[in-house]
């Protein structure tokens, strides 16, 4: 018996699909080499303190040493590590009472809109870092994970422990807020420029 698709391609009704064997999980040393810098930069973007960022990375790798063997899918190593470091950071931040839960719900605040009333500001990396530090942690985390760490919406949702819809709304709100902050910084920098007088 054969099934005919509407495109005229004929396939057998039952096909044997070879079982895909997941690649072996890399060694501890390989994981540290591959992900240390990314985890450290993410930790710095969240806590903004070098010593705390180093502690977060070390704690994340310690957790991997204890529990990493339970991960069966090698493609999920990066997500596992970023989920762990984010949870470690939340734990520290809550203990220090510096973490404020801020949730953006589109249905409560109106649909997220991109207000682009001009060109996006041009900034250097130092100004961008300053602007990122002004964002609420709930908005900064998905923004960094999406644009700098290149995680998918699904991986970010898994990392942050929130639905994909929440990730998307936070990203939208984060981009709007970041654009506003960057324009303010750009305007502030422009107002501080002192023109040279002709001699």
N, C-alpha and C. Protein backbone atom coordinates (compact mmCIF):
# COMPACT_ATOMS: atom_id res chain seq x y z
N UNK A 1 0.85 -1.18 0.00
CA UNK A 1 0.00 0.00 0.00
C UNK A 1 0.88 1.23 0.00
N UNK A 2 0.53 2.24 -0.81
CA UNK A 2 1.34 3.44 -0.91
C UNK A 2 0.49 4.66 -0.67
N UNK A 3 1.11 5.67 -0.08
CA UNK A 3 0.45 6.95 0.13
C UNK A 3 0.97 7.92 -0.92
N UNK A 4 0.09 8.65 -1.59
CA UNK A 4 0.51 9.63 -2.58
C UNK A 4 0.25 11.01 -2.04
N UNK A 5 1.29 11.82 -1.90
CA UNK A 5 1.15 13.18 -1.42
C UNK A 5 0.63 14.05 -2.55
N UNK A 6 0.08 15.20 -2.22
CA UNK A 6 -0.51 16.07 -3.23
C UNK A 6 0.52 16.61 -4.22
N UNK A 7 1.79 16.49 -3.91
CA UNK A 7 2.82 16.95 -4.83
C UNK A 7 3.21 15.85 -5.82
N UNK A 8 2.55 14.70 -5.73
CA UNK A 8 2.83 13.63 -6.67
C UNK A 8 3.99 12.75 -6.27
N UNK A 9 4.50 12.92 -5.07
CA UNK A 9 5.62 12.10 -4.60
C UNK A 9 5.05 10.88 -3.89
N UNK A 10 5.50 9.71 -4.28
CA UNK A 10 4.98 8.49 -3.67
C UNK A 10 5.95 7.98 -2.63
N UNK A 11 5.39 7.69 -1.45
CA UNK A 11 6.19 7.16 -0.36
C UNK A 11 5.55 5.87 0.14
N UNK A 12 6.30 4.95 0.62
CA UNK A 12 5.71 3.75 1.19
C UNK A 12 4.87 4.12 2.41
N UNK A 13 3.81 3.36 2.64
CA UNK A 13 2.91 3.64 3.76
C UNK A 13 3.63 3.49 5.08
N UNK A 14 4.50 2.54 5.19
CA UNK A 14 5.27 2.36 6.42
C UNK A 14 6.74 2.41 6.05
N UNK A 15 7.44 3.30 6.73
CA UNK A 15 8.88 3.42 6.47
C UNK A 15 9.63 3.15 7.75
N UNK A 16 10.75 2.52 7.61
CA UNK A 16 11.60 2.31 8.77
C UNK A 16 12.50 3.52 8.91
N UNK A 17 12.31 4.25 10.00
CA UNK A 17 13.13 5.43 10.25
C UNK A 17 14.27 5.02 11.17
N UNK A 18 15.49 5.16 10.69
CA UNK A 18 16.62 4.75 11.54
C UNK A 18 16.67 5.60 12.81
N UNK A 19 16.87 4.95 13.92
CA UNK A 19 16.95 5.66 15.18
C UNK A 19 18.23 6.46 15.25
N UNK A 20 18.07 7.74 15.53
CA UNK A 20 19.24 8.61 15.58
C UNK A 20 19.88 8.51 16.95
N UNK A 21 21.13 8.19 16.96
CA UNK A 21 21.86 8.11 18.22
C UNK A 21 22.46 9.47 18.50
N UNK A 22 22.12 10.01 19.66
CA UNK A 22 22.62 11.33 20.03
C UNK A 22 24.12 11.26 20.26
N UNK A 23 24.82 12.26 19.78
CA UNK A 23 26.26 12.30 19.99
C UNK A 23 26.58 12.25 21.48
N UNK A 24 27.72 11.72 21.79
CA UNK A 24 28.12 11.61 23.18
C UNK A 24 28.32 13.00 23.77
N UNK A 25 27.98 13.14 25.05
CA UNK A 25 28.19 14.41 25.75
C UNK A 25 29.68 14.65 25.86
N UNK A 26 30.15 15.89 25.56
CA UNK A 26 31.59 16.17 25.63
C UNK A 26 32.13 15.98 27.05
N UNK A 27 33.44 15.88 27.14
CA UNK A 27 34.08 15.73 28.44
C UNK A 27 33.97 17.04 29.23
N UNK A 28 34.22 16.96 30.53
CA UNK A 28 34.15 18.14 31.39
C UNK A 28 35.09 19.23 30.89
N UNK A 29 36.31 18.85 30.52
CA UNK A 29 37.29 19.82 30.04
C UNK A 29 36.83 20.50 28.76
N UNK A 30 36.24 19.71 27.85
CA UNK A 30 35.73 20.28 26.60
C UNK A 30 34.59 21.28 26.85
N UNK A 31 33.74 20.95 27.80
CA UNK A 31 32.61 21.82 28.13
C UNK A 31 33.11 23.13 28.74
N UNK A 32 34.07 23.04 29.64
CA UNK A 32 34.64 24.25 30.25
C UNK A 32 35.28 25.12 29.17
N UNK A 33 36.09 24.51 28.30
CA UNK A 33 36.74 25.26 27.23
C UNK A 33 35.74 25.94 26.31
N UNK A 34 34.66 25.24 25.99
CA UNK A 34 33.69 25.75 25.02
C UNK A 34 32.77 26.82 25.59
N UNK A 35 32.47 26.76 26.90
CA UNK A 35 31.41 27.60 27.44
C UNK A 35 31.83 28.57 28.54
N UNK A 36 33.07 28.50 29.00
CA UNK A 36 33.47 29.36 30.12
C UNK A 36 33.25 30.84 29.80
N UNK A 37 33.79 31.30 28.68
CA UNK A 37 33.71 32.73 28.35
C UNK A 37 32.27 33.19 28.20
N UNK A 38 31.44 32.40 27.51
CA UNK A 38 30.05 32.77 27.33
C UNK A 38 29.29 32.86 28.64
N UNK A 39 29.52 31.90 29.52
CA UNK A 39 28.87 31.91 30.83
C UNK A 39 29.34 33.09 31.67
N UNK A 40 30.64 33.36 31.62
CA UNK A 40 31.19 34.46 32.41
C UNK A 40 30.61 35.80 31.94
N UNK A 41 30.56 35.99 30.62
CA UNK A 41 30.01 37.26 30.10
C UNK A 41 28.53 37.40 30.46
N UNK A 42 27.80 36.31 30.38
CA UNK A 42 26.38 36.36 30.75
C UNK A 42 26.24 36.70 32.24
N UNK A 43 27.05 36.06 33.07
CA UNK A 43 27.00 36.34 34.50
C UNK A 43 27.35 37.80 34.78
N UNK A 44 28.36 38.33 34.09
CA UNK A 44 28.73 39.74 34.27
C UNK A 44 27.61 40.67 33.85
N UNK A 45 26.90 40.31 32.78
CA UNK A 45 25.81 41.16 32.31
C UNK A 45 24.67 41.18 33.32
N UNK A 46 24.56 40.14 34.13
CA UNK A 46 23.47 40.08 35.10
C UNK A 46 23.87 40.68 36.45
N UNK A 47 25.04 40.31 36.97
CA UNK A 47 25.39 40.74 38.33
C UNK A 47 26.32 41.95 38.36
N UNK A 48 27.07 42.20 37.28
CA UNK A 48 27.95 43.35 37.15
C UNK A 48 29.07 43.40 38.19
N UNK A 49 29.39 42.25 38.78
CA UNK A 49 30.50 42.19 39.73
C UNK A 49 31.39 41.00 39.35
N UNK A 50 32.66 41.30 39.13
CA UNK A 50 33.57 40.29 38.61
C UNK A 50 33.66 39.07 39.52
N UNK A 51 33.82 39.30 40.83
CA UNK A 51 33.97 38.18 41.76
C UNK A 51 32.71 37.32 41.79
N UNK A 52 31.55 37.96 41.78
CA UNK A 52 30.29 37.22 41.79
C UNK A 52 30.12 36.44 40.50
N UNK A 53 30.49 37.05 39.37
CA UNK A 53 30.38 36.36 38.08
C UNK A 53 31.27 35.11 38.07
N UNK A 54 32.49 35.23 38.60
CA UNK A 54 33.38 34.08 38.67
C UNK A 54 32.80 32.98 39.56
N UNK A 55 32.21 33.39 40.69
CA UNK A 55 31.58 32.42 41.59
C UNK A 55 30.42 31.70 40.90
N UNK A 56 29.64 32.47 40.13
CA UNK A 56 28.49 31.87 39.43
C UNK A 56 28.95 30.83 38.41
N UNK A 57 30.00 31.17 37.68
CA UNK A 57 30.52 30.23 36.68
C UNK A 57 31.06 28.98 37.36
N UNK A 58 31.81 29.16 38.43
CA UNK A 58 32.37 28.01 39.15
C UNK A 58 31.26 27.13 39.71
N UNK A 59 30.22 27.77 40.26
CA UNK A 59 29.10 27.01 40.82
C UNK A 59 28.37 26.24 39.72
N UNK A 60 28.27 26.86 38.54
CA UNK A 60 27.60 26.20 37.41
C UNK A 60 28.37 24.96 36.98
N UNK A 61 29.69 25.07 36.88
CA UNK A 61 30.49 23.91 36.49
C UNK A 61 30.51 22.85 37.59
N UNK A 62 30.42 23.29 38.84
CA UNK A 62 30.33 22.34 39.95
C UNK A 62 29.04 21.53 39.83
N UNK A 63 27.94 22.25 39.52
CA UNK A 63 26.66 21.56 39.33
C UNK A 63 26.73 20.58 38.15
N UNK A 64 27.45 20.99 37.09
CA UNK A 64 27.61 20.09 35.95
C UNK A 64 28.38 18.85 36.36
N UNK A 65 29.45 19.04 37.14
CA UNK A 65 30.25 17.89 37.58
C UNK A 65 29.40 16.91 38.38
N UNK A 66 28.44 17.45 39.14
CA UNK A 66 27.59 16.58 39.97
C UNK A 66 26.45 15.95 39.19
N UNK A 67 25.84 16.74 38.28
CA UNK A 67 24.59 16.29 37.65
C UNK A 67 24.65 16.16 36.13
N UNK A 68 25.74 16.59 35.53
CA UNK A 68 25.81 16.60 34.07
C UNK A 68 25.65 15.23 33.44
N UNK A 69 26.02 14.18 34.16
CA UNK A 69 25.93 12.83 33.60
C UNK A 69 24.49 12.42 33.32
N UNK A 70 23.52 13.12 33.92
CA UNK A 70 22.11 12.78 33.70
C UNK A 70 21.59 13.31 32.37
N UNK A 71 22.34 14.23 31.74
CA UNK A 71 21.91 14.79 30.46
C UNK A 71 22.21 13.80 29.33
N UNK A 72 21.17 13.43 28.60
CA UNK A 72 21.33 12.42 27.55
C UNK A 72 21.50 13.03 26.17
N UNK A 73 21.13 14.29 26.01
CA UNK A 73 21.17 14.93 24.70
C UNK A 73 22.31 15.96 24.68
N UNK A 74 23.35 15.67 23.91
CA UNK A 74 24.53 16.53 23.87
C UNK A 74 24.20 17.92 23.33
N UNK A 75 23.14 18.03 22.55
CA UNK A 75 22.78 19.34 21.98
C UNK A 75 22.20 20.28 23.03
N UNK A 76 21.88 19.75 24.22
CA UNK A 76 21.27 20.56 25.28
C UNK A 76 22.26 21.03 26.34
N UNK A 77 23.55 20.78 26.12
CA UNK A 77 24.55 21.16 27.12
C UNK A 77 24.52 22.68 27.36
N UNK A 78 24.53 23.46 26.29
CA UNK A 78 24.56 24.92 26.41
C UNK A 78 23.33 25.43 27.17
N UNK A 79 22.16 24.92 26.80
CA UNK A 79 20.93 25.33 27.48
C UNK A 79 20.98 24.96 28.96
N UNK A 80 21.45 23.75 29.26
CA UNK A 80 21.56 23.29 30.64
C UNK A 80 22.45 24.23 31.45
N UNK A 81 23.60 24.59 30.88
CA UNK A 81 24.54 25.46 31.59
C UNK A 81 23.96 26.85 31.83
N UNK A 82 23.32 27.43 30.82
CA UNK A 82 22.76 28.78 30.99
C UNK A 82 21.56 28.76 31.93
N UNK A 83 20.78 27.67 31.91
CA UNK A 83 19.68 27.55 32.87
C UNK A 83 20.23 27.51 34.29
N UNK A 84 21.28 26.75 34.48
CA UNK A 84 21.88 26.60 35.81
C UNK A 84 22.47 27.91 36.30
N UNK A 85 23.22 28.60 35.46
CA UNK A 85 23.86 29.85 35.92
C UNK A 85 22.80 30.92 36.20
N UNK A 86 21.72 30.92 35.42
CA UNK A 86 20.65 31.89 35.67
C UNK A 86 19.98 31.60 37.00
N UNK A 87 19.72 30.34 37.29
CA UNK A 87 19.10 29.98 38.57
C UNK A 87 20.03 30.30 39.74
N UNK A 88 21.31 30.07 39.54
CA UNK A 88 22.28 30.42 40.61
C UNK A 88 22.27 31.92 40.86
N UNK A 89 22.22 32.70 39.78
CA UNK A 89 22.18 34.15 39.94
C UNK A 89 20.91 34.60 40.65
N UNK A 90 19.76 34.04 40.27
CA UNK A 90 18.51 34.40 40.94
C UNK A 90 18.58 34.10 42.43
N UNK A 91 19.19 32.99 42.77
CA UNK A 91 19.33 32.61 44.18
C UNK A 91 20.14 33.64 44.95
N UNK A 92 21.27 34.07 44.37
CA UNK A 92 22.11 35.08 45.01
C UNK A 92 21.38 36.41 45.08
N UNK A 93 20.77 36.80 43.99
CA UNK A 93 20.10 38.10 43.93
C UNK A 93 18.95 38.19 44.92
N UNK A 94 18.21 37.10 45.07
CA UNK A 94 17.10 37.11 46.03
C UNK A 94 17.62 37.18 47.45
N UNK A 95 18.73 36.48 47.71
CA UNK A 95 19.31 36.54 49.06
C UNK A 95 19.74 37.96 49.39
N UNK A 96 20.27 38.65 48.39
CA UNK A 96 20.73 40.02 48.63
C UNK A 96 19.59 41.03 48.53
N UNK A 97 18.39 40.53 48.25
CA UNK A 97 17.19 41.38 48.12
C UNK A 97 17.37 42.47 47.08
N UNK A 98 18.12 42.12 46.02
CA UNK A 98 18.31 43.09 44.94
C UNK A 98 17.51 42.71 43.71
N UNK A 99 16.84 41.59 43.78
CA UNK A 99 16.08 41.14 42.62
C UNK A 99 14.62 41.46 42.81
N UNK A 100 14.09 42.26 41.93
CA UNK A 100 12.69 42.63 41.99
C UNK A 100 11.96 41.95 40.85
N UNK A 101 10.91 41.22 41.18
CA UNK A 101 10.15 40.50 40.14
C UNK A 101 9.30 41.50 39.38
N UNK A 102 9.58 41.65 38.11
CA UNK A 102 8.82 42.55 37.25
C UNK A 102 8.32 41.75 36.07
N UNK A 103 7.04 41.67 35.93
CA UNK A 103 6.47 40.89 34.84
C UNK A 103 5.71 41.79 33.89
N UNK A 104 5.95 41.62 32.62
CA UNK A 104 5.23 42.39 31.60
C UNK A 104 4.23 41.46 30.94
N UNK A 105 2.97 41.75 31.10
CA UNK A 105 1.93 40.97 30.47
C UNK A 105 1.25 41.83 29.41
N UNK A 106 1.36 41.47 28.14
CA UNK A 106 0.81 42.30 27.07
C UNK A 106 -0.67 42.57 27.23
N UNK A 107 -1.43 41.57 27.73
CA UNK A 107 -2.87 41.77 27.85
C UNK A 107 -3.23 42.78 28.93
N UNK A 108 -2.32 43.00 29.88
CA UNK A 108 -2.58 43.98 30.93
C UNK A 108 -2.08 45.37 30.56
N UNK A 109 -1.04 45.42 29.77
CA UNK A 109 -0.42 46.70 29.44
C UNK A 109 -0.66 47.14 28.01
N UNK A 110 -1.49 46.39 27.30
CA UNK A 110 -1.71 46.71 25.89
C UNK A 110 -0.70 45.96 25.04
N UNK A 111 -1.02 45.76 23.80
CA UNK A 111 -0.12 45.01 22.91
C UNK A 111 1.21 45.73 22.79
N UNK A 112 2.26 44.93 22.76
CA UNK A 112 3.61 45.51 22.62
C UNK A 112 3.74 46.14 21.25
N UNK A 113 4.21 47.35 21.22
CA UNK A 113 4.37 48.05 19.95
C UNK A 113 5.79 48.56 19.85
N UNK A 114 6.30 48.54 18.64
CA UNK A 114 7.63 49.09 18.40
C UNK A 114 7.47 50.55 18.00
N UNK A 115 7.86 51.46 18.88
CA UNK A 115 7.77 52.87 18.58
C UNK A 115 9.11 53.32 18.03
N UNK A 116 9.22 53.31 16.74
CA UNK A 116 10.48 53.70 16.12
C UNK A 116 10.26 55.01 15.39
N UNK A 117 10.44 56.11 16.13
CA UNK A 117 10.16 57.42 15.55
C UNK A 117 11.41 58.04 14.94
N UNK A 118 12.40 57.23 14.72
CA UNK A 118 13.63 57.71 14.10
C UNK A 118 14.59 56.57 13.93
N UNK A 119 15.77 56.88 13.49
CA UNK A 119 16.76 55.83 13.29
C UNK A 119 17.24 55.30 14.63
N UNK A 120 17.64 54.03 14.63
CA UNK A 120 18.22 53.47 15.85
C UNK A 120 19.53 54.18 16.14
N UNK A 121 19.79 54.48 17.41
CA UNK A 121 21.02 55.19 17.74
C UNK A 121 22.25 54.34 17.45
N UNK A 122 23.33 55.00 17.08
CA UNK A 122 24.60 54.32 16.84
C UNK A 122 25.41 54.43 18.12
N UNK A 123 25.88 53.29 18.61
CA UNK A 123 26.60 53.30 19.88
C UNK A 123 27.81 52.39 19.82
N UNK A 124 28.74 52.66 20.73
CA UNK A 124 29.89 51.78 20.85
C UNK A 124 29.57 50.73 21.92
N UNK A 125 30.47 49.77 22.08
CA UNK A 125 30.20 48.67 23.00
C UNK A 125 30.11 49.12 24.45
N UNK A 126 30.88 50.13 24.83
CA UNK A 126 30.82 50.62 26.22
C UNK A 126 29.46 51.25 26.51
N UNK A 127 28.94 52.03 25.57
CA UNK A 127 27.63 52.65 25.76
C UNK A 127 26.55 51.58 25.79
N UNK A 128 26.68 50.56 24.95
CA UNK A 128 25.71 49.47 24.93
C UNK A 128 25.70 48.76 26.28
N UNK A 129 26.89 48.51 26.84
CA UNK A 129 26.97 47.84 28.14
C UNK A 129 26.32 48.68 29.22
N UNK A 130 26.56 50.01 29.18
CA UNK A 130 25.93 50.91 30.15
C UNK A 130 24.42 50.84 30.05
N UNK A 131 23.92 50.83 28.81
CA UNK A 131 22.47 50.77 28.59
C UNK A 131 21.90 49.44 29.08
N UNK A 132 22.60 48.34 28.81
CA UNK A 132 22.13 47.03 29.26
C UNK A 132 22.01 46.98 30.78
N UNK A 133 22.96 47.62 31.46
CA UNK A 133 22.95 47.61 32.91
C UNK A 133 21.76 48.36 33.50
N UNK A 134 21.17 49.26 32.72
CA UNK A 134 20.01 50.00 33.19
C UNK A 134 18.71 49.22 33.04
N UNK A 135 18.74 48.17 32.23
CA UNK A 135 17.53 47.38 32.02
C UNK A 135 17.21 46.55 33.26
N UNK A 136 15.91 46.32 33.50
CA UNK A 136 15.49 45.41 34.55
C UNK A 136 16.05 44.02 34.25
N UNK A 137 16.45 43.26 35.26
CA UNK A 137 17.01 41.93 35.03
C UNK A 137 16.11 41.02 34.20
N UNK A 138 14.79 41.12 34.40
CA UNK A 138 13.87 40.27 33.64
C UNK A 138 13.91 40.56 32.15
N UNK A 139 14.30 41.77 31.79
CA UNK A 139 14.40 42.14 30.38
C UNK A 139 15.82 41.94 29.87
N UNK A 140 16.80 42.18 30.73
CA UNK A 140 18.20 42.06 30.31
C UNK A 140 18.55 40.61 29.98
N UNK A 141 18.09 39.67 30.80
CA UNK A 141 18.46 38.26 30.60
C UNK A 141 18.04 37.72 29.24
N UNK A 142 16.76 37.82 28.85
CA UNK A 142 16.41 37.29 27.53
C UNK A 142 17.09 38.02 26.38
N UNK A 143 17.32 39.31 26.55
CA UNK A 143 17.97 40.09 25.49
C UNK A 143 19.40 39.59 25.27
N UNK A 144 20.14 39.40 26.36
CA UNK A 144 21.52 38.90 26.26
C UNK A 144 21.54 37.49 25.69
N UNK A 145 20.63 36.64 26.18
CA UNK A 145 20.61 35.25 25.72
C UNK A 145 20.26 35.15 24.24
N UNK A 146 19.37 36.03 23.76
CA UNK A 146 18.93 35.96 22.37
C UNK A 146 19.96 36.55 21.42
N UNK A 147 20.44 37.76 21.72
CA UNK A 147 21.31 38.46 20.77
C UNK A 147 22.79 38.14 20.94
N UNK A 148 23.23 37.95 22.18
CA UNK A 148 24.66 37.72 22.40
C UNK A 148 25.01 36.24 22.50
N UNK A 149 24.11 35.44 23.04
CA UNK A 149 24.38 34.00 23.19
C UNK A 149 23.67 33.17 22.14
N UNK A 150 22.80 33.82 21.35
CA UNK A 150 22.14 33.19 20.21
C UNK A 150 21.34 31.96 20.59
N UNK A 151 20.64 32.02 21.71
CA UNK A 151 19.74 30.94 22.09
C UNK A 151 18.39 31.17 21.40
N UNK A 152 17.69 30.09 21.12
CA UNK A 152 16.36 30.18 20.50
C UNK A 152 15.34 30.60 21.56
N UNK A 153 14.14 31.01 21.10
CA UNK A 153 13.06 31.34 22.04
C UNK A 153 12.80 30.16 22.98
N UNK A 154 12.77 28.96 22.42
CA UNK A 154 12.48 27.77 23.23
C UNK A 154 13.56 27.55 24.28
N UNK A 155 14.82 27.71 23.88
CA UNK A 155 15.92 27.52 24.84
C UNK A 155 15.91 28.60 25.91
N UNK A 156 15.58 29.83 25.52
CA UNK A 156 15.50 30.92 26.51
C UNK A 156 14.37 30.65 27.49
N UNK A 157 13.22 30.20 26.96
CA UNK A 157 12.09 29.88 27.83
C UNK A 157 12.47 28.80 28.84
N UNK A 158 13.19 27.79 28.36
CA UNK A 158 13.64 26.71 29.23
C UNK A 158 14.65 27.23 30.26
N UNK A 159 15.56 28.08 29.81
CA UNK A 159 16.58 28.64 30.70
C UNK A 159 15.96 29.48 31.81
N UNK A 160 15.00 30.33 31.44
CA UNK A 160 14.41 31.26 32.40
C UNK A 160 13.22 30.67 33.13
N UNK A 161 12.74 29.53 32.67
CA UNK A 161 11.60 28.90 33.32
C UNK A 161 10.30 29.63 33.10
N UNK A 162 10.12 30.19 31.90
CA UNK A 162 8.90 30.94 31.58
C UNK A 162 8.36 30.46 30.23
N UNK A 163 7.08 30.73 29.92
CA UNK A 163 6.54 30.34 28.61
C UNK A 163 7.21 31.11 27.47
N UNK A 164 7.15 30.55 26.25
CA UNK A 164 7.74 31.20 25.09
C UNK A 164 7.09 32.56 24.84
N UNK A 165 5.78 32.66 25.05
CA UNK A 165 5.09 33.94 24.87
C UNK A 165 5.64 35.03 25.78
N UNK A 166 6.01 34.64 27.00
CA UNK A 166 6.59 35.60 27.93
C UNK A 166 7.97 36.05 27.46
N UNK A 167 8.74 35.10 26.92
CA UNK A 167 10.05 35.43 26.37
C UNK A 167 9.90 36.47 25.26
N UNK A 168 8.94 36.24 24.37
CA UNK A 168 8.74 37.15 23.25
C UNK A 168 8.30 38.54 23.71
N UNK A 169 7.40 38.58 24.70
CA UNK A 169 6.95 39.90 25.17
C UNK A 169 8.06 40.62 25.92
N UNK A 170 8.87 39.87 26.69
CA UNK A 170 9.99 40.50 27.39
C UNK A 170 11.02 41.03 26.40
N UNK A 171 11.29 40.27 25.35
CA UNK A 171 12.24 40.73 24.34
C UNK A 171 11.74 42.00 23.66
N UNK A 172 10.46 42.03 23.35
CA UNK A 172 9.89 43.22 22.71
C UNK A 172 10.01 44.43 23.63
N UNK A 173 9.64 44.24 24.88
CA UNK A 173 9.72 45.34 25.85
C UNK A 173 11.17 45.75 26.08
N UNK A 174 12.08 44.75 26.13
CA UNK A 174 13.50 45.03 26.36
C UNK A 174 14.09 45.85 25.22
N UNK A 175 13.73 45.51 23.98
CA UNK A 175 14.25 46.26 22.83
C UNK A 175 13.76 47.71 22.85
N UNK A 176 12.47 47.89 23.18
CA UNK A 176 11.93 49.25 23.27
C UNK A 176 12.65 50.05 24.35
N UNK A 177 12.83 49.42 25.52
CA UNK A 177 13.49 50.10 26.64
C UNK A 177 14.94 50.41 26.31
N UNK A 178 15.62 49.45 25.70
CA UNK A 178 17.03 49.65 25.36
C UNK A 178 17.18 50.78 24.35
N UNK A 179 16.29 50.84 23.37
CA UNK A 179 16.33 51.90 22.37
C UNK A 179 16.17 53.27 23.03
N UNK A 180 15.23 53.35 23.98
CA UNK A 180 14.99 54.61 24.70
C UNK A 180 16.22 55.03 25.50
N UNK A 181 16.82 54.05 26.20
CA UNK A 181 18.01 54.34 27.01
C UNK A 181 19.17 54.79 26.12
N UNK A 182 19.36 54.11 25.00
CA UNK A 182 20.45 54.46 24.10
C UNK A 182 20.28 55.86 23.52
N UNK A 183 19.05 56.22 23.18
CA UNK A 183 18.81 57.58 22.67
C UNK A 183 19.11 58.62 23.74
N UNK A 184 18.72 58.32 24.98
CA UNK A 184 18.99 59.25 26.06
C UNK A 184 20.49 59.41 26.27
N UNK A 185 21.22 58.30 26.24
CA UNK A 185 22.68 58.35 26.40
C UNK A 185 23.33 59.10 25.24
N UNK A 186 22.80 58.88 24.04
CA UNK A 186 23.33 59.56 22.86
C UNK A 186 23.10 61.07 22.97
N UNK A 187 21.89 61.44 23.38
CA UNK A 187 21.57 62.87 23.54
C UNK A 187 22.43 63.51 24.63
N UNK A 188 22.64 62.76 25.72
CA UNK A 188 23.46 63.27 26.82
C UNK A 188 24.90 63.48 26.38
N UNK A 189 25.43 62.52 25.61
CA UNK A 189 26.80 62.63 25.12
C UNK A 189 26.93 63.81 24.16
N UNK A 190 25.92 64.01 23.32
CA UNK A 190 25.96 65.11 22.35
C UNK A 190 25.92 66.46 23.05
N UNK A 191 25.17 66.55 24.15
CA UNK A 191 25.07 67.83 24.86
C UNK A 191 26.34 68.17 25.62
N UNK A 192 27.19 67.16 25.85
CA UNK A 192 28.45 67.39 26.57
C UNK A 192 29.61 67.75 25.65
N UNK A 193 29.37 67.76 24.35
CA UNK A 193 30.43 68.12 23.40
C UNK A 193 30.61 69.62 23.38
N UNK A 194 31.83 70.04 23.62
CA UNK A 194 32.14 71.48 23.62
C UNK A 194 32.82 71.82 22.31
N UNK A 195 32.19 72.69 21.51
CA UNK A 195 32.80 73.03 20.22
C UNK A 195 34.10 73.81 20.42
N UNK A 196 35.07 73.56 19.55
CA UNK A 196 36.33 74.29 19.61
C UNK A 196 36.13 75.68 19.01
N UNK A 197 36.62 76.68 19.70
CA UNK A 197 36.48 78.03 19.17
C UNK A 197 37.60 78.31 18.15
N UNK A 198 37.24 79.01 17.14
CA UNK A 198 38.23 79.36 16.10
C UNK A 198 39.21 80.37 16.66
N UNK A 199 40.49 80.13 16.44
CA UNK A 199 41.50 81.07 16.96
C UNK A 199 42.05 81.93 15.84
